[in-house]
């Protein structure tokens, strides 16, 4: 048996004399070979013997009455709390337990928007209509001709 388990048993069942025979034997064998656990057992025995001679004090009736009243008031308050849906929703959304989850969700939404914007930008900048709009090579002819009409302006002479 390992020291951690023996220490746990020494502080609980062994101290109370409630160990089963097999466990009691295992603890006894461990104590024979482990000085640290043996020292802990001595301290536990000394502490228990110091409290063995103490006689229980009688609790005054008025103190019991105050304790019962406090417990009853607390139980009544707990059972009388109405269901507060808005309060529960507020705790759910703004409670400290969900800060990391909200931050992760916000970061994910931002990433989706950024990547969607980049994809849309790439799609629209690779289309022929984009270059026509940027270069001004789109036809404004009322008759449906493929080239822009020559209106005889100086800027048209420069570009055409």
N, C-alpha and C. Protein backbone atom coordinates (compact mmCIF):
# COMPACT_ATOMS: atom_id res chain seq x y z
N UNK A 1 0.85 -1.17 0.00
CA UNK A 1 0.00 0.00 0.00
C UNK A 1 0.90 1.24 0.00
N UNK A 2 0.51 2.26 -0.76
CA UNK A 2 1.31 3.49 -0.88
C UNK A 2 1.02 4.43 0.28
N UNK A 3 1.99 5.32 0.53
CA UNK A 3 1.90 6.25 1.66
C UNK A 3 0.66 7.14 1.58
N UNK A 4 0.33 7.62 0.39
CA UNK A 4 -0.85 8.51 0.27
C UNK A 4 -2.12 7.81 0.74
N UNK A 5 -2.29 6.58 0.31
CA UNK A 5 -3.49 5.83 0.71
C UNK A 5 -3.49 5.53 2.21
N UNK A 6 -2.31 5.17 2.75
CA UNK A 6 -2.20 4.88 4.18
C UNK A 6 -2.50 6.13 5.00
N UNK A 7 -1.98 7.28 4.57
CA UNK A 7 -2.23 8.54 5.30
C UNK A 7 -3.72 8.88 5.29
N UNK A 8 -4.35 8.64 4.13
CA UNK A 8 -5.79 8.88 4.05
C UNK A 8 -6.55 7.98 5.02
N UNK A 9 -6.18 6.71 5.08
CA UNK A 9 -6.85 5.77 5.99
C UNK A 9 -6.55 6.11 7.45
N UNK A 10 -5.32 6.55 7.73
CA UNK A 10 -4.97 6.91 9.11
C UNK A 10 -5.82 8.07 9.60
N UNK A 11 -6.08 9.01 8.71
CA UNK A 11 -6.85 10.20 9.10
C UNK A 11 -8.36 9.93 9.17
N UNK A 12 -8.81 8.86 8.55
CA UNK A 12 -10.26 8.62 8.52
C UNK A 12 -10.63 7.34 9.26
N UNK A 13 -10.72 6.24 8.56
CA UNK A 13 -11.25 4.99 9.11
C UNK A 13 -10.37 4.38 10.20
N UNK A 14 -9.06 4.44 10.05
CA UNK A 14 -8.17 3.85 11.05
C UNK A 14 -8.30 4.58 12.38
N UNK A 15 -8.38 5.90 12.32
CA UNK A 15 -8.50 6.69 13.55
C UNK A 15 -9.82 6.40 14.26
N UNK A 16 -10.84 6.09 13.50
CA UNK A 16 -12.15 5.80 14.08
C UNK A 16 -12.33 4.33 14.43
N UNK A 17 -11.34 3.50 14.08
CA UNK A 17 -11.44 2.08 14.35
C UNK A 17 -12.43 1.36 13.45
N UNK A 18 -12.64 1.86 12.25
CA UNK A 18 -13.63 1.29 11.34
C UNK A 18 -13.01 0.60 10.13
N UNK A 19 -11.71 0.29 10.19
CA UNK A 19 -11.06 -0.38 9.06
C UNK A 19 -11.45 -1.85 9.00
N UNK A 20 -11.60 -2.37 7.80
CA UNK A 20 -11.85 -3.79 7.61
C UNK A 20 -10.56 -4.54 7.92
N UNK A 21 -10.67 -5.82 8.21
CA UNK A 21 -9.52 -6.62 8.65
C UNK A 21 -8.39 -6.63 7.62
N UNK A 22 -8.73 -6.76 6.33
CA UNK A 22 -7.70 -6.82 5.29
C UNK A 22 -6.96 -5.48 5.19
N UNK A 23 -7.70 -4.39 5.22
CA UNK A 23 -7.08 -3.06 5.14
C UNK A 23 -6.27 -2.78 6.40
N UNK A 24 -6.79 -3.20 7.54
CA UNK A 24 -6.10 -2.99 8.80
C UNK A 24 -4.74 -3.68 8.78
N UNK A 25 -4.70 -4.89 8.23
CA UNK A 25 -3.45 -5.65 8.14
C UNK A 25 -2.48 -4.97 7.17
N UNK A 26 -2.99 -4.48 6.05
CA UNK A 26 -2.13 -3.78 5.08
C UNK A 26 -1.54 -2.51 5.68
N UNK A 27 -2.34 -1.76 6.42
CA UNK A 27 -1.86 -0.54 7.07
C UNK A 27 -0.81 -0.89 8.11
N UNK A 28 -1.05 -1.96 8.87
CA UNK A 28 -0.11 -2.37 9.91
C UNK A 28 1.24 -2.74 9.29
N UNK A 29 1.23 -3.50 8.18
CA UNK A 29 2.48 -3.87 7.51
C UNK A 29 3.19 -2.64 6.96
N UNK A 30 2.43 -1.70 6.43
CA UNK A 30 3.03 -0.48 5.89
C UNK A 30 3.68 0.34 7.01
N UNK A 31 2.99 0.43 8.16
CA UNK A 31 3.53 1.20 9.28
C UNK A 31 4.82 0.59 9.82
N UNK A 32 4.97 -0.71 9.71
CA UNK A 32 6.20 -1.35 10.17
C UNK A 32 7.40 -0.93 9.33
N UNK A 33 7.18 -0.64 8.06
CA UNK A 33 8.29 -0.31 7.17
C UNK A 33 8.42 1.17 6.84
N UNK A 34 7.49 2.01 7.26
CA UNK A 34 7.52 3.43 6.87
C UNK A 34 7.53 4.32 8.11
N UNK A 35 8.66 4.98 8.33
CA UNK A 35 8.81 5.84 9.52
C UNK A 35 7.92 7.07 9.44
N UNK A 36 7.74 7.63 8.25
CA UNK A 36 6.90 8.83 8.09
C UNK A 36 5.45 8.58 8.47
N UNK A 37 4.92 7.47 8.00
CA UNK A 37 3.52 7.13 8.31
C UNK A 37 3.37 6.74 9.78
N UNK A 38 4.40 6.11 10.33
CA UNK A 38 4.37 5.75 11.75
C UNK A 38 4.33 7.03 12.61
N UNK A 39 5.09 8.04 12.21
CA UNK A 39 5.10 9.32 12.94
C UNK A 39 3.73 9.99 12.86
N UNK A 40 3.10 9.92 11.69
CA UNK A 40 1.76 10.50 11.53
C UNK A 40 0.76 9.78 12.43
N UNK A 41 0.86 8.45 12.51
CA UNK A 41 -0.05 7.70 13.37
C UNK A 41 0.13 8.11 14.83
N UNK A 42 1.36 8.33 15.28
CA UNK A 42 1.62 8.76 16.66
C UNK A 42 0.98 10.12 16.93
N UNK A 43 1.11 11.04 15.96
CA UNK A 43 0.52 12.37 16.14
C UNK A 43 -1.00 12.29 16.21
N UNK A 44 -1.58 11.45 15.39
CA UNK A 44 -3.05 11.29 15.38
C UNK A 44 -3.51 10.71 16.72
N UNK A 45 -2.79 9.70 17.22
CA UNK A 45 -3.16 9.11 18.52
C UNK A 45 -3.04 10.14 19.64
N UNK A 46 -1.97 10.96 19.61
CA UNK A 46 -1.78 11.98 20.64
C UNK A 46 -2.92 13.01 20.60
N UNK A 47 -3.29 13.41 19.39
CA UNK A 47 -4.38 14.40 19.25
C UNK A 47 -5.70 13.82 19.74
N UNK A 48 -5.97 12.57 19.41
CA UNK A 48 -7.22 11.94 19.85
C UNK A 48 -7.25 11.78 21.36
N UNK A 49 -6.11 11.44 21.96
CA UNK A 49 -6.09 11.26 23.42
C UNK A 49 -6.27 12.59 24.14
N UNK A 50 -5.80 13.68 23.53
CA UNK A 50 -5.97 14.99 24.15
C UNK A 50 -7.45 15.38 24.20
N UNK A 51 -8.22 14.97 23.21
CA UNK A 51 -9.64 15.33 23.17
C UNK A 51 -10.53 14.29 23.85
N UNK A 52 -9.97 13.17 24.22
CA UNK A 52 -10.77 12.10 24.81
C UNK A 52 -11.32 12.49 26.18
N UNK A 53 -10.57 13.28 26.94
CA UNK A 53 -10.98 13.65 28.29
C UNK A 53 -11.95 14.83 28.32
N UNK A 54 -12.18 15.46 27.21
CA UNK A 54 -13.07 16.62 27.19
C UNK A 54 -14.52 16.15 27.23
N UNK A 55 -15.27 16.72 28.15
CA UNK A 55 -16.69 16.39 28.28
C UNK A 55 -17.50 17.34 27.41
N UNK A 56 -18.50 16.83 26.73
CA UNK A 56 -19.32 17.70 25.89
C UNK A 56 -20.11 18.70 26.74
N UNK A 57 -20.18 19.91 26.28
CA UNK A 57 -20.93 20.96 26.97
C UNK A 57 -22.38 20.92 26.52
N UNK A 58 -23.25 21.23 27.42
CA UNK A 58 -24.67 21.31 27.11
C UNK A 58 -24.93 22.65 26.41
N UNK A 59 -25.58 22.58 25.27
CA UNK A 59 -25.88 23.79 24.50
C UNK A 59 -27.13 24.42 25.09
N UNK A 60 -27.10 25.72 25.37
CA UNK A 60 -28.28 26.38 25.93
C UNK A 60 -29.46 26.31 24.95
N UNK A 61 -30.66 26.14 25.47
CA UNK A 61 -31.84 26.00 24.60
C UNK A 61 -32.06 27.20 23.68
N UNK A 62 -31.76 28.41 24.17
CA UNK A 62 -31.99 29.58 23.32
C UNK A 62 -31.04 29.58 22.10
N UNK A 63 -29.87 28.99 22.24
CA UNK A 63 -28.93 28.91 21.12
C UNK A 63 -29.45 27.93 20.06
N UNK A 64 -29.99 26.78 20.53
CA UNK A 64 -30.57 25.83 19.58
C UNK A 64 -31.74 26.47 18.84
N UNK A 65 -32.52 27.26 19.54
CA UNK A 65 -33.67 27.93 18.93
C UNK A 65 -33.19 28.89 17.83
N UNK A 66 -32.14 29.66 18.11
CA UNK A 66 -31.61 30.61 17.11
C UNK A 66 -31.04 29.88 15.90
N UNK A 67 -30.37 28.74 16.14
CA UNK A 67 -29.82 27.97 15.02
C UNK A 67 -30.95 27.42 14.15
N UNK A 68 -31.99 26.89 14.80
CA UNK A 68 -33.12 26.35 14.04
C UNK A 68 -33.82 27.44 13.24
N UNK A 69 -33.98 28.62 13.83
CA UNK A 69 -34.60 29.74 13.13
C UNK A 69 -33.78 30.16 11.91
N UNK A 70 -32.45 30.22 12.07
CA UNK A 70 -31.58 30.62 10.96
C UNK A 70 -31.65 29.61 9.82
N UNK A 71 -31.64 28.33 10.17
CA UNK A 71 -31.72 27.28 9.15
C UNK A 71 -33.07 27.33 8.45
N UNK A 72 -34.14 27.50 9.22
CA UNK A 72 -35.49 27.57 8.64
C UNK A 72 -35.63 28.77 7.72
N UNK A 73 -35.09 29.92 8.13
CA UNK A 73 -35.17 31.12 7.30
C UNK A 73 -34.40 30.93 5.99
N UNK A 74 -33.25 30.29 6.07
CA UNK A 74 -32.46 30.06 4.88
C UNK A 74 -33.18 29.10 3.93
N UNK A 75 -33.78 28.05 4.47
CA UNK A 75 -34.52 27.10 3.65
C UNK A 75 -35.74 27.77 3.02
N UNK A 76 -36.43 28.61 3.78
CA UNK A 76 -37.61 29.30 3.24
C UNK A 76 -37.20 30.25 2.12
N UNK A 77 -36.09 30.93 2.29
CA UNK A 77 -35.61 31.85 1.26
C UNK A 77 -35.23 31.09 0.00
N UNK A 78 -34.59 29.95 0.17
CA UNK A 78 -34.16 29.14 -0.97
C UNK A 78 -35.37 28.61 -1.74
N UNK A 79 -36.40 28.18 -1.03
CA UNK A 79 -37.57 27.61 -1.70
C UNK A 79 -38.50 28.69 -2.25
N UNK A 80 -38.41 29.91 -1.74
CA UNK A 80 -39.30 30.98 -2.17
C UNK A 80 -38.73 31.79 -3.32
N UNK A 81 -37.54 31.50 -3.79
CA UNK A 81 -36.94 32.27 -4.87
C UNK A 81 -37.69 31.96 -6.16
N UNK A 82 -38.30 32.97 -6.77
CA UNK A 82 -39.01 32.72 -8.03
C UNK A 82 -38.01 32.49 -9.16
N UNK A 83 -38.50 31.86 -10.20
CA UNK A 83 -37.65 31.61 -11.35
C UNK A 83 -37.44 32.93 -12.07
N UNK A 84 -36.23 33.36 -12.12
CA UNK A 84 -35.87 34.63 -12.75
C UNK A 84 -35.20 34.32 -14.08
N UNK A 85 -36.00 34.31 -15.14
CA UNK A 85 -35.47 33.93 -16.45
C UNK A 85 -34.46 34.95 -16.94
N UNK A 86 -34.78 36.23 -16.79
CA UNK A 86 -33.84 37.26 -17.25
C UNK A 86 -32.54 37.22 -16.46
N UNK A 87 -32.65 36.99 -15.16
CA UNK A 87 -31.45 36.89 -14.34
C UNK A 87 -30.61 35.69 -14.72
N UNK A 88 -31.26 34.57 -14.99
CA UNK A 88 -30.54 33.37 -15.40
C UNK A 88 -29.88 33.57 -16.75
N UNK A 89 -30.57 34.25 -17.66
CA UNK A 89 -30.00 34.54 -18.98
C UNK A 89 -28.81 35.49 -18.84
N UNK A 90 -28.96 36.48 -17.97
CA UNK A 90 -27.86 37.43 -17.73
C UNK A 90 -26.65 36.69 -17.17
N UNK A 91 -26.87 35.80 -16.21
CA UNK A 91 -25.76 35.03 -15.65
C UNK A 91 -25.13 34.14 -16.70
N UNK A 92 -25.95 33.59 -17.57
CA UNK A 92 -25.44 32.71 -18.61
C UNK A 92 -24.57 33.47 -19.59
N UNK A 93 -25.04 34.65 -20.01
CA UNK A 93 -24.30 35.41 -21.02
C UNK A 93 -23.14 36.21 -20.45
N UNK A 94 -23.30 36.72 -19.23
CA UNK A 94 -22.29 37.61 -18.69
C UNK A 94 -21.57 37.06 -17.47
N UNK A 95 -21.81 35.80 -17.15
CA UNK A 95 -21.15 35.18 -16.01
C UNK A 95 -19.68 34.94 -16.29
N UNK A 96 -18.86 34.87 -15.25
CA UNK A 96 -17.42 34.70 -15.45
C UNK A 96 -17.05 33.35 -16.04
N UNK A 97 -17.95 32.36 -15.93
CA UNK A 97 -17.61 31.03 -16.44
C UNK A 97 -17.55 31.00 -17.96
N UNK A 98 -18.27 31.90 -18.62
CA UNK A 98 -18.40 31.83 -20.06
C UNK A 98 -17.56 32.88 -20.79
N UNK A 99 -16.66 33.54 -20.10
CA UNK A 99 -15.84 34.57 -20.72
C UNK A 99 -15.00 33.98 -21.84
N UNK A 100 -14.35 32.87 -21.59
CA UNK A 100 -13.49 32.26 -22.60
C UNK A 100 -14.32 31.79 -23.79
N UNK A 101 -15.49 31.23 -23.54
CA UNK A 101 -16.34 30.75 -24.63
C UNK A 101 -16.82 31.91 -25.49
N UNK A 102 -17.21 33.01 -24.87
CA UNK A 102 -17.65 34.18 -25.64
C UNK A 102 -16.50 34.78 -26.43
N UNK A 103 -15.32 34.85 -25.84
CA UNK A 103 -14.16 35.39 -26.55
C UNK A 103 -13.81 34.51 -27.74
N UNK A 104 -13.88 33.22 -27.57
CA UNK A 104 -13.59 32.29 -28.67
C UNK A 104 -14.62 32.44 -29.78
N UNK A 105 -15.88 32.55 -29.42
CA UNK A 105 -16.93 32.71 -30.43
C UNK A 105 -16.76 34.03 -31.19
N UNK A 106 -16.43 35.10 -30.47
CA UNK A 106 -16.22 36.40 -31.12
C UNK A 106 -15.03 36.33 -32.08
N UNK A 107 -13.94 35.70 -31.66
CA UNK A 107 -12.77 35.58 -32.52
C UNK A 107 -13.10 34.76 -33.76
N UNK A 108 -13.88 33.70 -33.59
CA UNK A 108 -14.28 32.87 -34.72
C UNK A 108 -15.14 33.65 -35.71
N UNK A 109 -16.06 34.44 -35.21
CA UNK A 109 -16.92 35.26 -36.08
C UNK A 109 -16.08 36.28 -36.85
N UNK A 110 -15.14 36.90 -36.17
CA UNK A 110 -14.27 37.88 -36.83
C UNK A 110 -13.45 37.21 -37.93
N UNK A 111 -12.90 36.04 -37.65
CA UNK A 111 -12.13 35.31 -38.66
C UNK A 111 -12.99 34.95 -39.87
N UNK A 112 -14.22 34.51 -39.62
CA UNK A 112 -15.12 34.16 -40.73
C UNK A 112 -15.41 35.38 -41.58
N UNK A 113 -15.68 36.52 -40.96
CA UNK A 113 -15.97 37.74 -41.71
C UNK A 113 -14.75 38.18 -42.53
N UNK A 114 -13.57 38.11 -41.93
CA UNK A 114 -12.36 38.53 -42.64
C UNK A 114 -12.10 37.62 -43.83
N UNK A 115 -12.17 36.31 -43.63
CA UNK A 115 -11.90 35.41 -44.74
C UNK A 115 -12.98 35.48 -45.80
N UNK A 116 -14.23 35.69 -45.41
CA UNK A 116 -15.30 35.85 -46.41
C UNK A 116 -15.06 37.13 -47.22
N UNK A 117 -14.63 38.18 -46.57
CA UNK A 117 -14.32 39.43 -47.27
C UNK A 117 -13.16 39.26 -48.24
N UNK A 118 -12.13 38.54 -47.79
CA UNK A 118 -10.99 38.30 -48.69
C UNK A 118 -11.39 37.47 -49.90
N UNK A 119 -12.22 36.46 -49.67
CA UNK A 119 -12.68 35.62 -50.77
C UNK A 119 -13.54 36.42 -51.75
N UNK A 120 -14.42 37.24 -51.23
CA UNK A 120 -15.27 38.08 -52.08
C UNK A 120 -14.42 39.07 -52.85
N UNK A 121 -13.45 39.67 -52.22
CA UNK A 121 -12.56 40.62 -52.89
C UNK A 121 -11.81 39.94 -54.03
N UNK A 122 -11.29 38.76 -53.77
CA UNK A 122 -10.56 38.02 -54.80
C UNK A 122 -11.49 37.67 -55.95
N UNK A 123 -12.70 37.24 -55.64
CA UNK A 123 -13.65 36.85 -56.68
C UNK A 123 -13.98 38.05 -57.57
N UNK A 124 -14.28 39.19 -56.96
CA UNK A 124 -14.70 40.35 -57.74
C UNK A 124 -13.54 41.03 -58.45
N UNK A 125 -12.35 40.95 -57.91
CA UNK A 125 -11.22 41.59 -58.57
C UNK A 125 -10.70 40.76 -59.74
N UNK A 126 -11.04 39.49 -59.81
CA UNK A 126 -10.60 38.65 -60.92
C UNK A 126 -11.62 38.63 -62.06
N UNK A 127 -12.76 39.26 -61.89
CA UNK A 127 -13.78 39.23 -62.95
C UNK A 127 -13.47 40.31 -64.00
N UNK A 128 -13.83 40.06 -65.27
CA UNK A 128 -13.58 41.05 -66.33
C UNK A 128 -14.34 42.36 -66.10
N UNK A 129 -15.51 42.28 -65.50
CA UNK A 129 -16.30 43.50 -65.26
C UNK A 129 -15.56 44.43 -64.32
N UNK A 130 -14.78 43.88 -63.40
CA UNK A 130 -14.02 44.70 -62.46
C UNK A 130 -13.01 45.55 -63.22
N UNK A 131 -12.29 44.93 -64.14
CA UNK A 131 -11.29 45.67 -64.89
C UNK A 131 -11.92 46.70 -65.80
N UNK A 132 -13.09 46.40 -66.32
CA UNK A 132 -13.78 47.39 -67.15
C UNK A 132 -14.17 48.60 -66.31
N UNK A 133 -14.65 48.35 -65.10
CA UNK A 133 -15.03 49.46 -64.23
C UNK A 133 -13.82 50.27 -63.80
N UNK A 134 -12.73 49.61 -63.52
CA UNK A 134 -11.52 50.30 -63.07
C UNK A 134 -10.89 51.10 -64.20
N UNK A 135 -10.77 50.50 -65.38
CA UNK A 135 -10.08 51.16 -66.49
C UNK A 135 -10.99 52.11 -67.26
N UNK A 136 -12.28 52.05 -67.03
CA UNK A 136 -13.19 52.94 -67.71
C UNK A 136 -13.48 52.52 -69.14
N UNK A 137 -13.25 51.26 -69.46
CA UNK A 137 -13.42 50.78 -70.82
C UNK A 137 -14.83 50.23 -71.06
N UNK A 138 -15.74 50.61 -70.24
CA UNK A 138 -17.11 50.13 -70.40
C UNK A 138 -17.84 51.04 -71.39
N UNK A 139 -18.69 50.45 -72.15
CA UNK A 139 -19.40 51.20 -73.18
C UNK A 139 -20.57 51.96 -72.57
N UNK A 140 -20.67 53.24 -72.93
CA UNK A 140 -21.79 54.07 -72.52
C UNK A 140 -22.67 54.44 -73.72
N UNK A 141 -22.46 53.77 -74.81
CA UNK A 141 -23.17 54.08 -76.05
C UNK A 141 -24.63 53.69 -75.94
N UNK A 142 -25.50 54.58 -76.32
CA UNK A 142 -26.93 54.33 -76.26
C UNK A 142 -27.33 53.30 -77.31
N UNK A 143 -26.64 53.26 -78.41
CA UNK A 143 -27.00 52.37 -79.51
C UNK A 143 -26.53 50.94 -79.29
N UNK A 144 -25.81 50.67 -78.23
CA UNK A 144 -25.37 49.31 -77.93
C UNK A 144 -24.06 48.92 -78.57
N UNK A 145 -23.29 49.85 -79.07
CA UNK A 145 -22.00 49.52 -79.69
C UNK A 145 -21.03 49.03 -78.63
N UNK A 146 -20.02 48.26 -79.08
CA UNK A 146 -19.07 47.68 -78.13
C UNK A 146 -18.05 48.69 -77.64
N UNK A 147 -17.85 49.75 -78.36
CA UNK A 147 -16.87 50.75 -77.94
C UNK A 147 -17.58 52.01 -77.49
N UNK A 148 -16.86 52.79 -76.69
CA UNK A 148 -17.43 54.04 -76.21
C UNK A 148 -17.53 55.02 -77.37
N UNK A 149 -18.56 55.84 -77.35
CA UNK A 149 -18.76 56.84 -78.39
C UNK A 149 -17.74 57.96 -78.24
N UNK A 150 -17.36 58.50 -79.35
CA UNK A 150 -16.43 59.63 -79.32
C UNK A 150 -17.25 60.91 -79.30
N UNK A 151 -17.17 61.64 -78.18
CA UNK A 151 -17.95 62.86 -78.06
C UNK A 151 -17.11 64.08 -78.40
N UNK A 152 -15.86 63.85 -78.72
CA UNK A 152 -15.01 64.93 -79.15
C UNK A 152 -14.42 65.75 -78.03
N UNK A 153 -14.35 65.23 -76.82
CA UNK A 153 -13.76 65.99 -75.72
C UNK A 153 -12.27 65.74 -75.66
N UNK A 154 -11.59 66.65 -75.00
CA UNK A 154 -10.13 66.55 -74.89
C UNK A 154 -9.71 65.31 -74.08
N UNK A 155 -10.43 64.99 -73.09
CA UNK A 155 -10.07 63.82 -72.27
C UNK A 155 -10.24 62.55 -73.07
N UNK A 156 -11.24 62.51 -73.92
CA UNK A 156 -11.43 61.33 -74.77
C UNK A 156 -10.29 61.20 -75.75
N UNK A 157 -9.84 62.32 -76.26
CA UNK A 157 -8.71 62.29 -77.21
C UNK A 157 -7.47 61.75 -76.51
N UNK A 158 -7.33 62.11 -75.24
CA UNK A 158 -6.16 61.65 -74.47
C UNK A 158 -6.20 60.14 -74.26
N UNK A 159 -7.39 59.62 -73.85
CA UNK A 159 -7.49 58.20 -73.54
C UNK A 159 -7.75 57.33 -74.75
N UNK A 160 -8.43 57.82 -75.74
CA UNK A 160 -8.76 57.00 -76.90
C UNK A 160 -7.74 57.24 -77.97
